[in-house]
Amino acid sequence: MHQARVEQTPEGLIPADDGWWVLNLEEIAWDHAEDGGRWCAFESPQAPSPTLGIGVHVLQPGEANGKYHLEDDEESFLVLAGECLLIVEGEERRMRQWDVFHCPPGTAHITVGAGDGPCAILMAGTRTAAGVTTYPPDAVAARYGADVPEETTDPRVAYAGRPPIERATSPWASVVAEASAPEGAHPEPSASGDANADPSPDDLRRQVAVLSAALGMREPLWDVPPIVRQHVRDGELVKAVRELRRGVPGRIGLLEAKRMVDALGERST
């Protein structure tokens, strides 16, 4: 087997044929989709493998790696850094570094970035020529904007309206920096120790105060931008979260932002 030809692009290096190659995640070119994170496939775009799909996907909090779906092929997911929410068969499961998700054929799933920074996931799956991917609607996935309104097996229908996929530079340096940050560099967790538990009154007041100050609000919750209030009234949680987190310095986790939106919803009704 020959060594692959490697091309230099403004975004990074790209294997150009079906030969063998060795590249670093920091130097290889990645792909990007709005609200879908960045990913790097371990293959040449000119010679995709007919039997195996494998690569790394980096998600920021609130980003989903695709639409909720199930496949005829087997997959496995390993969290390399950070945290994510796994939505599997209509249930939420929190995954942290070195957690593994074994996904047999026919298992409905999707992952959403969580925690306080980027989440890197090694994703691998078999490929068969006759394999079919089904996209079913799901109420849990809908809360994160990762659902489809009606079941389909056509990816063009499932991803209709999604911004185009674009080539991007590697995010790996920021992932490594986040993973190696000294202990105490991130916000302290809730006193309950359970990321999914309701925050204590003190926790909620602190979270609301931080976000309110970052957005320049005169009064917490009440002086929220009208677009956020409208998203809350319409039940569009994921859009409200994205608006709340837009331009916020530091790291406000997805779950914390959701709690703030929930509190805003109670005050808006």
Protein backbone atom coordinates (compact mmCIF):
# COMPACT_ATOMS: atom_id res chain seq x y z
CA MET A 1 0.00 0.00 0.00
CA HIS A 2 1.32 3.44 -0.95
CA GLN A 3 1.58 6.47 1.31
CA ALA A 4 -1.24 8.94 0.69
CA ARG A 5 -0.63 12.25 -0.97
CA VAL A 6 -1.44 15.07 1.49
CA GLU A 7 -2.64 18.47 0.33
CA GLN A 8 -2.14 21.76 2.16
CA THR A 9 -5.25 23.98 2.41
CA PRO A 10 -5.91 27.22 4.32
CA GLU A 11 -7.78 25.16 6.95
CA GLY A 12 -5.17 22.42 7.31
CA LEU A 13 -3.87 19.20 5.75
CA ILE A 14 -6.14 16.83 3.81
CA PRO A 15 -5.34 13.26 2.70
CA ALA A 16 -5.93 13.21 -1.05
CA ASP A 17 -6.20 9.49 -1.88
CA ASP A 18 -6.72 6.01 -0.37
CA GLY A 19 -3.16 5.45 0.87
CA TRP A 20 -1.97 5.29 4.47
CA TRP A 21 -1.20 8.50 6.36
CA VAL A 22 -0.21 9.86 9.77
CA LEU A 23 -1.43 13.33 10.77
CA ASN A 24 -2.05 15.22 14.00
CA LEU A 25 -5.51 16.45 15.02
CA GLU A 26 -4.10 19.98 15.28
CA GLU A 27 -2.82 20.05 11.69
CA ILE A 28 -5.57 18.24 9.79
CA ALA A 29 -8.49 20.18 8.27
CA TRP A 30 -11.89 19.82 9.93
CA ASP A 31 -15.50 20.41 8.88
CA HIS A 32 -18.04 22.69 10.57
CA ALA A 33 -21.79 23.27 10.57
CA GLU A 34 -23.61 26.02 12.48
CA ASP A 35 -24.80 24.64 15.84
CA GLY A 36 -23.37 21.25 14.82
CA GLY A 37 -19.81 21.55 16.10
CA ARG A 38 -16.62 20.63 14.25
CA TRP A 39 -15.56 17.17 13.15
CA CYS A 40 -12.63 15.43 11.57
CA ALA A 41 -13.09 12.15 9.66
CA PHE A 42 -10.16 9.76 9.51
CA GLU A 43 -10.33 9.27 5.75
CA SER A 44 -9.75 11.10 2.51
CA PRO A 45 -12.74 13.01 1.09
CA GLN A 46 -11.73 11.57 -2.29
CA ALA A 47 -11.64 7.97 -1.00
CA PRO A 48 -14.13 7.39 1.86
CA SER A 49 -14.03 3.96 3.46
CA PRO A 50 -16.87 1.61 2.40
CA THR A 51 -16.66 -0.35 5.67
CA LEU A 52 -15.76 2.01 8.55
CA GLY A 53 -16.58 5.55 9.59
CA ILE A 54 -14.38 6.98 12.36
CA GLY A 55 -13.37 10.42 13.52
CA VAL A 56 -13.53 13.02 16.30
CA HIS A 57 -16.42 15.44 16.81
CA VAL A 58 -16.03 18.52 19.03
CA LEU A 59 -19.22 20.05 20.43
CA GLN A 60 -19.64 23.27 22.35
CA PRO A 61 -22.39 23.33 25.02
CA GLY A 62 -25.77 23.21 23.33
CA GLU A 63 -24.49 21.90 19.99
CA ALA A 64 -25.79 18.55 18.69
CA ASN A 65 -23.73 16.41 16.33
CA GLY A 66 -26.74 15.84 14.08
CA LYS A 67 -30.40 14.87 14.17
CA TYR A 68 -31.79 12.17 16.47
CA HIS A 69 -31.56 8.95 14.46
CA LEU A 70 -31.03 5.20 14.39
CA GLU A 71 -28.94 3.18 11.97
CA ASP A 72 -28.73 -0.35 10.62
CA ASP A 73 -25.02 -0.33 11.46
CA GLU A 74 -23.22 -0.58 14.82
CA GLU A 75 -21.52 2.43 16.42
CA SER A 76 -19.44 3.28 19.49
CA PHE A 77 -18.71 6.62 21.14
CA LEU A 78 -15.85 7.47 23.54
CA VAL A 79 -15.73 10.85 25.32
CA LEU A 80 -12.12 12.05 25.07
CA ALA A 81 -12.61 15.35 26.91
CA GLY A 82 -15.40 17.42 28.41
CA GLU A 83 -19.01 16.40 28.94
CA CYS A 84 -22.05 15.73 26.79
CA LEU A 85 -25.67 14.73 27.09
CA LEU A 86 -26.53 11.48 25.36
CA ILE A 87 -30.15 11.19 24.25
CA VAL A 88 -30.79 7.48 23.75
CA GLU A 89 -34.17 5.85 23.19
CA GLY A 90 -35.90 8.97 24.52
CA GLU A 91 -33.80 9.20 27.70
CA GLU A 92 -31.03 11.59 28.78
CA ARG A 93 -27.72 10.25 30.07
CA ARG A 94 -24.79 12.42 31.15
CA MET A 95 -21.41 11.31 29.72
CA ARG A 96 -18.02 12.46 30.96
CA GLN A 97 -14.40 11.85 29.97
CA TRP A 98 -13.65 8.18 29.19
CA ASP A 99 -17.34 7.17 29.25
CA VAL A 100 -18.22 4.80 26.41
CA PHE A 101 -21.58 4.48 24.67
CA HIS A 102 -22.07 1.17 22.84
CA CYS A 103 -24.75 1.69 20.20
CA PRO A 104 -26.11 -1.54 18.64
CA PRO A 105 -27.95 -1.35 15.30
CA GLY A 106 -31.44 0.13 15.66
CA THR A 107 -30.66 2.28 18.73
CA ALA A 108 -32.06 5.83 18.45
CA HIS A 109 -29.56 8.40 19.72
CA ILE A 110 -27.82 11.77 19.45
CA THR A 111 -25.22 13.64 21.54
CA VAL A 112 -25.37 17.27 22.71
CA GLY A 113 -22.44 19.23 24.14
CA ALA A 114 -22.81 20.05 27.84
CA GLY A 115 -20.69 21.16 30.79
CA ASP A 116 -18.64 24.35 30.71
CA GLY A 117 -16.52 23.91 27.60
CA PRO A 118 -15.89 21.83 24.49
CA CYS A 119 -16.61 18.10 24.44
CA ALA A 120 -14.52 15.86 22.18
CA ILE A 121 -16.01 12.50 21.21
CA LEU A 122 -14.36 9.71 19.25
CA MET A 123 -17.10 8.27 17.03
CA ALA A 124 -16.81 5.01 15.10
CA GLY A 125 -19.31 2.97 13.13
CA THR A 126 -19.52 0.22 10.56
CA ARG A 127 -20.73 0.98 7.05
CA THR A 128 -22.74 -1.35 4.85
CA ALA A 129 -23.96 -0.62 1.34
CA ALA A 130 -27.58 -1.39 2.20
CA GLY A 131 -27.57 0.39 5.58
CA VAL A 132 -30.50 2.73 6.24
CA THR A 133 -30.60 5.65 8.70
CA THR A 134 -34.01 6.55 10.15
CA TYR A 135 -34.79 9.93 11.71
CA PRO A 136 -37.78 9.66 14.11
CA PRO A 137 -39.39 12.57 15.99
CA ASP A 138 -38.61 12.60 19.72
CA ALA A 139 -39.79 14.98 22.47
CA VAL A 140 -36.51 14.87 24.41
CA ALA A 141 -34.38 15.54 21.31
CA ALA A 142 -36.75 18.38 20.41
CA ARG A 143 -35.73 20.26 23.57
CA TYR A 144 -32.24 20.55 22.11
CA GLY A 145 -33.22 21.26 18.51
CA ALA A 146 -32.04 17.78 17.44
CA ASP A 147 -35.34 16.29 16.25
CA VAL A 148 -37.29 16.10 13.01
CA PRO A 149 -41.02 16.95 12.77
CA GLU A 150 -41.89 13.74 10.91
CA GLU A 151 -40.11 10.41 10.53
CA THR A 152 -37.94 10.11 7.43
CA THR A 153 -35.13 8.00 6.01
CA ASP A 154 -33.98 10.79 3.69
CA PRO A 155 -31.10 12.83 5.16
CA ARG A 156 -31.91 15.64 2.74
CA VAL A 157 -35.31 15.96 4.41
CA ALA A 158 -33.92 15.57 7.93
CA TYR A 159 -31.37 18.33 7.38
CA ALA A 160 -33.45 20.61 5.18
CA GLY A 161 -32.69 24.22 5.99
CA ARG A 162 -29.41 23.49 7.77
CA PRO A 163 -26.61 25.88 6.84
CA PRO A 164 -24.03 24.33 4.49
CA ILE A 165 -21.12 22.32 5.85
CA GLU A 166 -17.89 24.29 5.56
CA ARG A 167 -14.22 23.48 5.88
CA ALA A 168 -12.73 24.76 9.17
CA THR A 169 -9.48 24.91 11.09
CA SER A 170 -8.77 22.49 13.92
CA PRO A 171 -10.28 23.21 17.36
CA TRP A 172 -7.97 20.67 19.02
CA ALA A 173 -5.64 23.18 20.73
CA SER A 174 -8.59 24.68 22.63
CA VAL A 175 -9.83 21.20 23.59
CA VAL A 176 -6.42 20.29 25.00
CA ALA A 177 -6.15 23.62 26.83
CA GLU A 178 -9.61 23.16 28.37
CA ALA A 179 -8.86 19.59 29.43
CA SER A 180 -5.54 20.58 31.03
CA ALA A 181 -6.86 23.67 32.86
CA PRO A 182 -5.91 23.58 36.56
CA GLU A 183 -8.52 22.46 39.03
CA GLY A 184 -10.61 25.39 40.22
CA ALA A 185 -10.41 27.20 36.87
CA HIS A 186 -14.04 26.32 36.15
CA PRO A 187 -17.16 27.37 38.03
CA GLU A 188 -17.95 25.26 41.07
CA PRO A 189 -20.72 22.69 40.62
CA SER A 190 -24.00 22.88 42.47
CA ALA A 191 -23.80 22.00 46.14
CA SER A 192 -26.05 19.03 45.45
CA GLY A 193 -23.31 17.42 43.35
CA ASP A 194 -25.90 16.32 40.78
CA ALA A 195 -25.70 18.23 37.50
CA ASN A 196 -29.31 17.36 36.70
CA ALA A 197 -30.71 18.29 40.11
CA ASP A 198 -32.54 21.55 40.74
CA PRO A 199 -30.07 24.22 41.88
CA SER A 200 -30.25 25.60 45.38
CA PRO A 201 -31.65 29.14 45.76
CA ASP A 202 -28.11 30.47 46.27
CA ASP A 203 -26.86 28.65 43.15
CA LEU A 204 -29.70 30.00 41.06
CA ARG A 205 -29.22 33.55 42.32
CA ARG A 206 -25.50 33.32 41.52
CA GLN A 207 -26.12 31.96 38.03
CA VAL A 208 -28.77 34.56 37.24
CA ALA A 209 -26.56 37.36 38.57
CA VAL A 210 -23.59 36.25 36.43
CA LEU A 211 -25.64 36.00 33.25
CA SER A 212 -27.56 39.19 33.93
CA ALA A 213 -24.35 41.15 34.50
CA ALA A 214 -22.78 39.69 31.36
CA LEU A 215 -25.77 40.74 29.28
CA GLY A 216 -25.86 44.18 30.85
CA MET A 217 -29.26 43.69 32.47
CA ARG A 218 -30.38 46.25 35.01
CA GLU A 219 -32.56 43.69 36.78
CA PRO A 220 -32.06 39.92 36.66
CA LEU A 221 -34.59 38.10 34.48
CA TRP A 222 -36.87 41.08 33.92
CA ASP A 223 -34.66 43.03 31.52
CA VAL A 224 -34.08 40.05 29.24
CA PRO A 225 -33.99 40.81 25.48
CA PRO A 226 -37.49 40.52 23.95
CA ILE A 227 -36.38 37.80 21.53
CA VAL A 228 -35.51 35.55 24.47
CA ARG A 229 -38.89 36.13 26.11
CA GLN A 230 -40.60 35.31 22.81
CA HIS A 231 -38.65 32.05 22.44
CA VAL A 232 -39.68 31.12 26.00
CA ARG A 233 -43.34 31.85 25.31
CA ASP A 234 -43.16 29.80 22.09
CA GLY A 235 -41.60 26.89 23.96
CA GLU A 236 -38.42 27.10 21.86
CA LEU A 237 -36.01 26.34 24.68
CA VAL A 238 -32.93 25.70 22.60
CA LYS A 239 -33.28 29.05 20.78
CA ALA A 240 -33.74 30.87 24.09
CA VAL A 241 -30.63 29.21 25.51
CA ARG A 242 -28.56 30.16 22.49
CA GLU A 243 -29.71 33.78 22.71
CA LEU A 244 -28.97 33.91 26.43
CA ARG A 245 -25.49 32.48 25.94
CA ARG A 246 -24.63 34.60 22.91
CA GLY A 247 -21.69 36.87 23.66
CA VAL A 248 -21.46 35.85 27.32
CA PRO A 249 -17.84 35.97 28.49
CA GLY A 250 -16.51 33.02 30.42
CA ARG A 251 -18.28 29.69 30.49
CA ILE A 252 -21.99 29.33 31.21
CA GLY A 253 -22.97 25.67 30.97
CA LEU A 254 -25.96 24.46 29.00
CA LEU A 255 -27.76 23.09 32.06
CA GLU A 256 -27.24 26.34 33.95
CA ALA A 257 -28.59 28.31 31.00
CA LYS A 258 -31.60 25.99 30.79
CA ARG A 259 -32.37 26.59 34.46
CA MET A 260 -32.26 30.33 33.85
CA VAL A 261 -34.63 29.95 30.92
CA ASP A 262 -36.96 27.85 33.05
CA ALA A 263 -36.96 30.55 35.71
CA LEU A 264 -37.58 33.20 33.05
CA GLY A 265 -40.50 31.17 31.72
CA GLU A 266 -42.13 31.11 35.14
CA ARG A 267 -41.75 34.88 35.44
CA SER A 268 -43.02 35.45 31.86
CA THR A 269 -46.32 33.58 32.27
